Amino acid sequence: MSYYLVVFRAKSESMRFQSLISSYGAMTTIISTPRKISVSCGISVKIRSIDLNLAKTILSRRQFYTFAGIYLINNDEYIKI
């Protein structure tokens, strides 16, 4: 099963992004950032593939100073997109 992680360097921005994208109806989960992704605060926002474009739109329209990237997680592969 594949999904995407939206990674930030600050917990407050992870929480703010999760709240914002959820307000648009996206199903999200706050999860611990995998150790393979070492540029984060410890929590990331897990989103479904169908919500990827919404996530990109939100990130481009709002200021998230600690945004560290979006990763495709597929089995045990971590691919930064």
N, C-alpha and C. Protein backbone atom coordinates (compact mmCIF):
# COMPACT_ATOMS: atom_id res chain seq x y z
N MET A 1 0.83 -1.18 0.00
CA MET A 1 0.00 0.00 0.00
C MET A 1 0.88 1.24 0.00
N SER A 2 0.60 2.17 -0.88
CA SER A 2 1.40 3.39 -0.93
C SER A 2 0.59 4.58 -0.42
N TYR A 3 1.32 5.55 0.08
CA TYR A 3 0.73 6.78 0.58
C TYR A 3 1.81 7.86 0.53
N TYR A 4 1.44 9.06 0.90
CA TYR A 4 2.38 10.17 0.90
C TYR A 4 2.53 10.73 2.30
N LEU A 5 3.74 11.21 2.59
CA LEU A 5 4.01 11.91 3.84
C LEU A 5 4.40 13.33 3.52
N VAL A 6 3.76 14.27 4.17
CA VAL A 6 4.12 15.68 4.06
C VAL A 6 4.92 15.99 5.33
N VAL A 7 6.18 16.38 5.13
CA VAL A 7 7.13 16.49 6.23
C VAL A 7 7.49 17.95 6.49
N PHE A 8 7.52 18.31 7.76
CA PHE A 8 7.90 19.65 8.20
C PHE A 8 8.98 19.53 9.26
N ARG A 9 9.71 20.62 9.49
CA ARG A 9 10.74 20.63 10.52
C ARG A 9 10.19 21.11 11.87
N ALA A 10 8.94 21.56 11.90
CA ALA A 10 8.33 22.05 13.14
C ALA A 10 6.98 21.36 13.36
N LYS A 11 6.78 20.90 14.57
CA LYS A 11 5.53 20.22 14.91
C LYS A 11 4.33 21.13 14.70
N SER A 12 4.48 22.40 15.04
CA SER A 12 3.36 23.33 14.91
C SER A 12 2.90 23.45 13.46
N GLU A 13 3.84 23.43 12.52
CA GLU A 13 3.46 23.51 11.11
C GLU A 13 2.84 22.20 10.63
N SER A 14 3.31 21.08 11.13
CA SER A 14 2.69 19.79 10.80
C SER A 14 1.23 19.80 11.23
N MET A 15 0.99 20.28 12.43
CA MET A 15 -0.37 20.31 12.96
C MET A 15 -1.24 21.32 12.20
N ARG A 16 -0.67 22.46 11.86
CA ARG A 16 -1.42 23.48 11.12
C ARG A 16 -1.80 22.97 9.73
N PHE A 17 -0.83 22.31 9.05
CA PHE A 17 -1.11 21.77 7.73
C PHE A 17 -2.18 20.69 7.81
N GLN A 18 -2.08 19.81 8.78
CA GLN A 18 -3.06 18.73 8.93
C GLN A 18 -4.45 19.29 9.16
N SER A 19 -4.57 20.29 9.98
CA SER A 19 -5.86 20.91 10.24
C SER A 19 -6.42 21.57 8.99
N LEU A 20 -5.57 22.24 8.26
CA LEU A 20 -6.00 22.94 7.05
C LEU A 20 -6.45 21.98 5.96
N ILE A 21 -5.65 20.97 5.66
CA ILE A 21 -6.02 20.03 4.59
C ILE A 21 -7.25 19.21 4.98
N SER A 22 -7.39 18.91 6.25
CA SER A 22 -8.57 18.17 6.71
C SER A 22 -9.84 19.00 6.55
N SER A 23 -9.71 20.31 6.68
CA SER A 23 -10.88 21.19 6.53
C SER A 23 -11.44 21.16 5.11
N TYR A 24 -10.62 20.70 4.16
CA TYR A 24 -11.08 20.55 2.78
C TYR A 24 -11.62 19.15 2.51
N GLY A 25 -11.70 18.33 3.53
CA GLY A 25 -12.28 17.00 3.38
C GLY A 25 -11.27 15.88 3.17
N ALA A 26 -10.00 16.20 3.20
CA ALA A 26 -8.97 15.16 3.02
C ALA A 26 -8.89 14.30 4.28
N MET A 27 -8.71 13.01 4.07
CA MET A 27 -8.52 12.09 5.20
C MET A 27 -7.02 12.03 5.49
N THR A 28 -6.63 12.47 6.67
CA THR A 28 -5.23 12.54 7.03
C THR A 28 -4.98 11.87 8.36
N THR A 29 -3.72 11.62 8.62
CA THR A 29 -3.30 11.06 9.90
C THR A 29 -1.96 11.69 10.27
N ILE A 30 -1.80 12.03 11.52
CA ILE A 30 -0.51 12.45 12.04
C ILE A 30 0.23 11.18 12.46
N ILE A 31 1.44 11.00 11.94
CA ILE A 31 2.23 9.81 12.29
C ILE A 31 3.66 10.21 12.64
N SER A 32 4.35 9.32 13.29
CA SER A 32 5.77 9.53 13.56
C SER A 32 6.52 9.45 12.24
N THR A 33 7.42 10.38 12.05
CA THR A 33 8.22 10.38 10.82
C THR A 33 9.19 9.21 10.87
N PRO A 34 9.23 8.40 9.81
CA PRO A 34 10.18 7.28 9.77
C PRO A 34 11.62 7.77 9.90
N ARG A 35 12.44 6.99 10.53
CA ARG A 35 13.85 7.36 10.72
C ARG A 35 14.59 7.55 9.40
N LYS A 36 14.14 6.92 8.35
CA LYS A 36 14.79 7.07 7.04
C LYS A 36 14.66 8.49 6.51
N ILE A 37 13.71 9.23 7.05
CA ILE A 37 13.54 10.64 6.67
C ILE A 37 14.01 11.44 7.88
N SER A 38 15.23 11.92 7.84
CA SER A 38 15.83 12.49 9.04
C SER A 38 15.72 14.01 9.15
N VAL A 39 14.97 14.66 8.28
CA VAL A 39 14.94 16.12 8.26
C VAL A 39 13.69 16.69 8.92
N SER A 40 13.17 16.03 9.91
CA SER A 40 11.87 16.48 10.40
C SER A 40 11.84 16.62 11.91
N CYS A 41 10.68 16.99 12.37
CA CYS A 41 10.46 17.24 13.79
C CYS A 41 10.03 15.99 14.55
N GLY A 42 9.74 14.93 13.84
CA GLY A 42 9.28 13.72 14.50
C GLY A 42 7.87 13.32 14.15
N ILE A 43 7.07 14.26 13.65
CA ILE A 43 5.73 13.90 13.18
C ILE A 43 5.52 14.44 11.77
N SER A 44 4.76 13.70 11.00
CA SER A 44 4.45 14.07 9.63
C SER A 44 2.96 13.86 9.39
N VAL A 45 2.49 14.36 8.26
CA VAL A 45 1.09 14.22 7.91
C VAL A 45 0.98 13.19 6.79
N LYS A 46 0.27 12.12 7.06
CA LYS A 46 0.04 11.06 6.08
C LYS A 46 -1.21 11.41 5.28
N ILE A 47 -1.06 11.40 3.94
CA ILE A 47 -2.21 11.70 3.08
C ILE A 47 -2.36 10.60 2.03
N ARG A 48 -3.57 10.52 1.49
CA ARG A 48 -3.83 9.56 0.42
C ARG A 48 -3.37 10.15 -0.91
N SER A 49 -3.16 9.28 -1.88
CA SER A 49 -2.71 9.74 -3.19
C SER A 49 -3.73 10.67 -3.84
N ILE A 50 -5.02 10.47 -3.58
CA ILE A 50 -6.02 11.33 -4.20
C ILE A 50 -6.00 12.75 -3.62
N ASP A 51 -5.33 12.94 -2.49
CA ASP A 51 -5.24 14.26 -1.87
C ASP A 51 -3.91 14.96 -2.16
N LEU A 52 -3.07 14.36 -3.00
CA LEU A 52 -1.76 14.94 -3.28
C LEU A 52 -1.86 16.31 -3.94
N ASN A 53 -2.71 16.46 -4.94
CA ASN A 53 -2.82 17.76 -5.60
C ASN A 53 -3.34 18.83 -4.66
N LEU A 54 -4.27 18.48 -3.79
CA LEU A 54 -4.76 19.42 -2.79
C LEU A 54 -3.62 19.84 -1.87
N ALA A 55 -2.82 18.89 -1.44
CA ALA A 55 -1.68 19.21 -0.57
C ALA A 55 -0.72 20.16 -1.27
N LYS A 56 -0.42 19.91 -2.52
CA LYS A 56 0.49 20.78 -3.27
C LYS A 56 -0.10 22.19 -3.41
N THR A 57 -1.39 22.27 -3.64
CA THR A 57 -2.04 23.58 -3.76
C THR A 57 -1.96 24.35 -2.45
N ILE A 58 -2.25 23.69 -1.36
CA ILE A 58 -2.18 24.34 -0.05
C ILE A 58 -0.76 24.81 0.24
N LEU A 59 0.21 23.96 -0.04
CA LEU A 59 1.61 24.32 0.21
C LEU A 59 2.06 25.49 -0.64
N SER A 60 1.53 25.61 -1.84
CA SER A 60 1.96 26.71 -2.71
C SER A 60 1.27 28.03 -2.35
N ARG A 61 0.12 27.96 -1.70
CA ARG A 61 -0.64 29.18 -1.38
C ARG A 61 -0.43 29.70 0.03
N ARG A 62 0.09 28.87 0.90
CA ARG A 62 0.31 29.26 2.29
C ARG A 62 1.80 29.26 2.59
N GLN A 63 2.18 29.97 3.62
CA GLN A 63 3.59 30.00 4.01
C GLN A 63 3.85 28.96 5.09
N PHE A 64 4.62 27.96 4.71
CA PHE A 64 5.10 26.94 5.64
C PHE A 64 6.62 27.00 5.58
N TYR A 65 7.21 27.71 6.51
CA TYR A 65 8.65 27.96 6.48
C TYR A 65 9.48 26.71 6.74
N THR A 66 8.90 25.72 7.40
CA THR A 66 9.68 24.54 7.76
C THR A 66 9.31 23.32 6.92
N PHE A 67 8.63 23.54 5.81
CA PHE A 67 8.27 22.43 4.92
C PHE A 67 9.55 21.76 4.42
N ALA A 68 9.62 20.44 4.58
CA ALA A 68 10.83 19.68 4.22
C ALA A 68 10.64 18.76 3.02
N GLY A 69 9.41 18.60 2.55
CA GLY A 69 9.20 17.79 1.36
C GLY A 69 8.02 16.84 1.49
N ILE A 70 7.69 16.27 0.33
CA ILE A 70 6.65 15.25 0.25
C ILE A 70 7.33 13.96 -0.18
N TYR A 71 7.02 12.88 0.50
CA TYR A 71 7.61 11.59 0.20
C TYR A 71 6.53 10.58 -0.17
N LEU A 72 6.80 9.84 -1.23
CA LEU A 72 5.97 8.70 -1.59
C LEU A 72 6.51 7.51 -0.82
N ILE A 73 5.64 6.88 -0.06
CA ILE A 73 6.02 5.69 0.70
C ILE A 73 5.33 4.51 0.04
N ASN A 74 6.13 3.61 -0.50
CA ASN A 74 5.62 2.44 -1.19
C ASN A 74 6.36 1.23 -0.65
N ASN A 75 5.66 0.42 0.11
CA ASN A 75 6.26 -0.71 0.83
C ASN A 75 7.36 -0.16 1.72
N ASP A 76 8.61 -0.45 1.44
CA ASP A 76 9.70 0.06 2.27
C ASP A 76 10.57 1.05 1.52
N GLU A 77 10.02 1.65 0.47
CA GLU A 77 10.75 2.65 -0.30
C GLU A 77 10.27 4.04 0.07
N TYR A 78 11.21 4.98 0.17
CA TYR A 78 10.91 6.36 0.48
C TYR A 78 11.45 7.22 -0.66
N ILE A 79 10.54 7.80 -1.44
CA ILE A 79 10.94 8.56 -2.62
C ILE A 79 10.47 10.00 -2.45
N LYS A 80 11.43 10.94 -2.42
CA LYS A 80 11.06 12.34 -2.30
C LYS A 80 10.56 12.83 -3.66
N ILE A 81 9.41 13.49 -3.64
CA ILE A 81 8.87 13.99 -4.91
C ILE A 81 8.95 15.50 -4.97
